């Protein structure tokens, strides 16, 4: 009878406005299918409120309407990819950048308030599908991933290290197979995310 809500950016969104895939066609859809098949007696309700292009600032602005309003028992959050990406694909439009200190402050405030109303929160780190850790965007994404881990520790929350999950596969697979632009995962990439999420919540297959 619990409500489980996933939110974030385009990786979570994954085309959820398509009537055929109301939960999107990505990792959320995959995880939900496995959970539903494994625990049909639980009668869980699943919601996806990811929105393409969102930063943590955008997510904070819509938090009440897109998360709290649904009174979820569980919330999974993956946000930060656009906070980093905009610094690279829009370097001169600094007004859309969310730098590390601001990212942490907004996210921290969001979690502090939400813990009063939501019983279970899972944080998923942002990622970049690039094995070369010296790559400029990969280095910056690792900074944001570290912030998410720090927030998880600070608030006593479960965390999914999505970058580590990708890195394990990137050791044997080229990034092009997992995400054409190194940001938006292929089906294999979404499967990696789904698997990492399910492992983190101790899903019993």
Protein backbone atom coordinates (compact mmCIF):
# COMPACT_ATOMS: atom_id res chain seq x y z
CA UNK A 1 0.00 0.00 0.00
CA UNK A 2 3.00 2.33 0.06
CA UNK A 3 3.64 5.08 -2.48
CA UNK A 4 7.11 5.09 -4.07
CA UNK A 5 8.10 8.26 -5.96
CA UNK A 6 11.09 8.80 -8.24
CA UNK A 7 12.15 12.31 -9.19
CA UNK A 8 15.02 14.08 -10.91
CA UNK A 9 15.97 15.17 -14.42
CA UNK A 10 15.77 13.63 -17.91
CA UNK A 11 17.42 10.39 -16.79
CA UNK A 12 14.49 9.77 -14.45
CA UNK A 13 11.92 11.35 -16.78
CA UNK A 14 12.87 9.07 -19.70
CA UNK A 15 9.82 10.06 -21.75
CA UNK A 16 7.24 9.48 -19.03
CA UNK A 17 4.63 11.59 -20.83
CA UNK A 18 4.24 8.80 -23.38
CA UNK A 19 0.95 7.10 -22.55
CA UNK A 20 2.58 3.75 -23.22
CA UNK A 21 5.27 4.43 -20.61
CA UNK A 22 3.76 6.53 -17.78
CA UNK A 23 6.85 5.82 -15.68
CA UNK A 24 9.21 6.49 -18.59
CA UNK A 25 11.16 3.89 -20.53
CA UNK A 26 14.32 4.01 -18.40
CA UNK A 27 15.66 2.74 -15.08
CA UNK A 28 12.47 3.63 -13.17
CA UNK A 29 10.35 1.51 -15.50
CA UNK A 30 12.81 -1.38 -15.23
CA UNK A 31 13.05 -1.27 -11.44
CA UNK A 32 9.29 -0.98 -11.01
CA UNK A 33 8.64 -3.96 -13.27
CA UNK A 34 10.99 -6.16 -11.25
CA UNK A 35 9.61 -4.98 -7.91
CA UNK A 36 6.02 -5.49 -9.05
CA UNK A 37 6.77 -8.97 -10.39
CA UNK A 38 8.60 -9.97 -7.21
CA UNK A 39 6.15 -8.48 -4.70
CA UNK A 40 2.65 -8.46 -6.26
CA UNK A 41 1.07 -8.75 -2.80
CA UNK A 42 2.57 -5.43 -1.70
CA UNK A 43 0.24 -3.43 -4.00
CA UNK A 44 2.68 -0.56 -4.28
CA UNK A 45 1.89 2.70 -6.06
CA UNK A 46 4.69 4.14 -8.21
CA UNK A 47 5.04 7.74 -9.41
CA UNK A 48 7.67 9.37 -11.63
CA UNK A 49 8.00 13.17 -11.54
CA UNK A 50 11.37 13.55 -13.27
CA UNK A 51 11.59 16.53 -15.63
CA UNK A 52 14.14 16.82 -18.42
CA UNK A 53 16.66 19.62 -18.00
CA UNK A 54 16.11 20.12 -14.28
CA UNK A 55 18.82 21.23 -11.88
CA UNK A 56 18.55 20.98 -8.11
CA UNK A 57 17.26 24.55 -8.12
CA UNK A 58 14.42 23.59 -10.48
CA UNK A 59 13.64 20.52 -8.39
CA UNK A 60 13.49 22.60 -5.22
CA UNK A 61 11.08 25.07 -6.84
CA UNK A 62 8.60 22.31 -7.75
CA UNK A 63 9.16 20.06 -4.74
CA UNK A 64 5.86 20.78 -2.97
CA UNK A 65 3.71 20.17 -6.07
CA UNK A 66 5.65 17.26 -7.56
CA UNK A 67 6.73 15.39 -4.43
CA UNK A 68 5.14 16.41 -1.12
CA UNK A 69 1.65 16.65 -2.61
CA UNK A 70 1.70 12.91 -3.36
CA UNK A 71 2.48 12.04 0.29
CA UNK A 72 5.02 9.37 -0.69
CA UNK A 73 6.37 6.79 1.75
CA UNK A 74 9.55 6.39 -0.32
CA UNK A 75 11.31 8.97 -2.51
CA UNK A 76 14.30 8.35 -4.77
CA UNK A 77 16.17 11.43 -5.99
CA UNK A 78 18.74 11.68 -8.77
CA UNK A 79 19.70 15.26 -9.55
CA UNK A 80 22.92 17.06 -10.46
CA UNK A 81 23.78 16.09 -14.00
CA UNK A 82 22.43 19.33 -15.48
CA UNK A 83 23.96 21.34 -12.64
CA UNK A 84 27.32 20.17 -14.01
CA UNK A 85 26.48 19.95 -17.73
CA UNK A 86 25.29 23.55 -18.01
CA UNK A 87 28.76 24.65 -16.92
CA UNK A 88 30.16 22.96 -20.04
CA UNK A 89 27.52 23.28 -22.76
CA UNK A 90 26.48 26.81 -21.70
CA UNK A 91 29.71 28.18 -20.22
CA UNK A 92 28.81 31.85 -20.78
CA UNK A 93 25.25 31.60 -19.44
CA UNK A 94 26.35 31.66 -15.83
CA UNK A 95 22.84 32.43 -14.59
CA UNK A 96 21.86 28.80 -15.25
CA UNK A 97 24.89 27.34 -13.47
CA UNK A 98 24.50 25.77 -10.03
CA UNK A 99 27.99 25.63 -8.57
CA UNK A 100 28.99 23.07 -5.91
CA UNK A 101 28.41 25.21 -2.80
CA UNK A 102 24.98 26.29 -4.00
CA UNK A 103 24.11 22.77 -5.08
CA UNK A 104 24.94 21.42 -1.64
CA UNK A 105 23.07 24.20 0.17
CA UNK A 106 19.86 23.79 -1.83
CA UNK A 107 19.96 19.99 -1.63
CA UNK A 108 20.69 20.07 2.12
CA UNK A 109 17.75 22.36 2.80
CA UNK A 110 15.48 20.19 0.67
CA UNK A 111 16.44 17.06 2.62
CA UNK A 112 16.21 18.75 6.01
CA UNK A 113 12.61 19.78 5.39
CA UNK A 114 11.58 16.60 3.58
CA UNK A 115 12.75 14.21 6.30
CA UNK A 116 9.98 15.61 8.50
CA UNK A 117 7.35 14.35 6.02
CA UNK A 118 8.89 11.42 4.13
CA UNK A 119 9.82 8.21 5.93
CA UNK A 120 12.36 6.87 3.42
CA UNK A 121 14.60 8.83 1.05
CA UNK A 122 17.15 7.31 -1.33
CA UNK A 123 19.79 9.51 -2.99
CA UNK A 124 21.29 8.56 -6.33
CA UNK A 125 24.54 10.26 -7.29
CA UNK A 126 24.82 12.08 -10.63
CA UNK A 127 27.13 10.39 -13.15
CA UNK A 128 29.08 10.89 -16.35
CA UNK A 129 29.57 7.89 -18.62
CA UNK A 130 33.30 8.47 -19.07
CA UNK A 131 36.07 6.20 -17.82
CA UNK A 132 38.79 8.87 -18.10
CA UNK A 133 38.67 10.49 -14.68
CA UNK A 134 40.88 13.31 -15.95
CA UNK A 135 38.12 14.47 -18.32
CA UNK A 136 37.01 17.92 -17.16
CA UNK A 137 33.30 17.12 -16.95
CA UNK A 138 33.98 13.77 -15.27
CA UNK A 139 36.12 15.52 -12.64
CA UNK A 140 33.36 18.01 -11.91
CA UNK A 141 30.68 15.31 -11.82
CA UNK A 142 32.75 13.44 -9.25
CA UNK A 143 32.69 16.58 -7.08
CA UNK A 144 28.89 16.62 -7.18
CA UNK A 145 28.71 12.89 -6.57
CA UNK A 146 30.86 13.35 -3.46
CA UNK A 147 28.46 16.04 -2.24
CA UNK A 148 25.53 13.64 -2.58
CA UNK A 149 27.39 10.99 -0.59
CA UNK A 150 28.22 13.56 2.09
CA UNK A 151 24.56 14.61 2.30
CA UNK A 152 23.48 10.98 2.58
CA UNK A 153 25.85 10.49 5.51
CA UNK A 154 24.78 13.76 7.13
CA UNK A 155 21.10 12.87 6.94
CA UNK A 156 21.42 9.12 7.48
CA UNK A 157 20.05 8.21 4.05
CA UNK A 158 20.63 5.33 1.66
CA UNK A 159 22.79 6.28 -1.32
CA UNK A 160 23.19 4.69 -4.75
CA UNK A 161 26.66 5.27 -6.23
CA UNK A 162 25.63 5.30 -9.89
CA UNK A 163 29.09 6.42 -11.03
CA UNK A 164 30.70 3.35 -9.44
CA UNK A 165 28.11 1.16 -11.16
CA UNK A 166 28.99 2.66 -14.54
CA UNK A 167 32.72 2.53 -13.86
CA UNK A 168 32.57 -1.22 -13.25
CA UNK A 169 31.10 -1.73 -16.73
CA UNK A 170 33.25 0.95 -18.39
CA UNK A 171 36.30 -1.07 -17.43
CA UNK A 172 35.23 -3.52 -20.13
CA UNK A 173 32.89 -1.52 -22.37
CA UNK A 174 33.25 1.69 -24.39
CA UNK A 175 31.13 4.60 -23.21
CA UNK A 176 29.38 4.82 -26.61
CA UNK A 177 27.60 1.56 -25.85
CA UNK A 178 26.23 2.91 -22.56
CA UNK A 179 25.26 6.45 -23.57
CA UNK A 180 25.65 8.23 -26.91
CA UNK A 181 26.39 11.63 -25.33
CA UNK A 182 27.86 10.16 -22.11
CA UNK A 183 24.87 11.60 -20.21
CA UNK A 184 21.69 9.94 -21.50
CA UNK A 185 22.00 6.18 -20.99
CA UNK A 186 21.24 3.54 -23.59
CA UNK A 187 19.01 0.62 -22.61
CA UNK A 188 22.11 -1.07 -21.22
CA UNK A 189 22.93 2.10 -19.29
CA UNK A 190 19.46 2.29 -17.78
CA UNK A 191 19.75 -1.38 -16.85
CA UNK A 192 22.94 -0.56 -14.95
CA UNK A 193 21.10 2.21 -13.07
CA UNK A 194 18.15 -0.04 -12.30
CA UNK A 195 20.43 -2.79 -11.00
CA UNK A 196 22.35 -0.34 -8.80
CA UNK A 197 19.13 1.04 -7.34
CA UNK A 198 17.71 -2.40 -6.60
CA UNK A 199 20.95 -3.52 -4.96
CA UNK A 200 20.98 -0.43 -2.76
CA UNK A 201 17.48 -1.09 -1.42
CA UNK A 202 18.37 -4.77 -0.87
CA UNK A 203 15.88 -6.06 -3.40
CA UNK A 204 15.52 -9.83 -3.07
CA UNK A 205 15.39 -11.57 -6.43
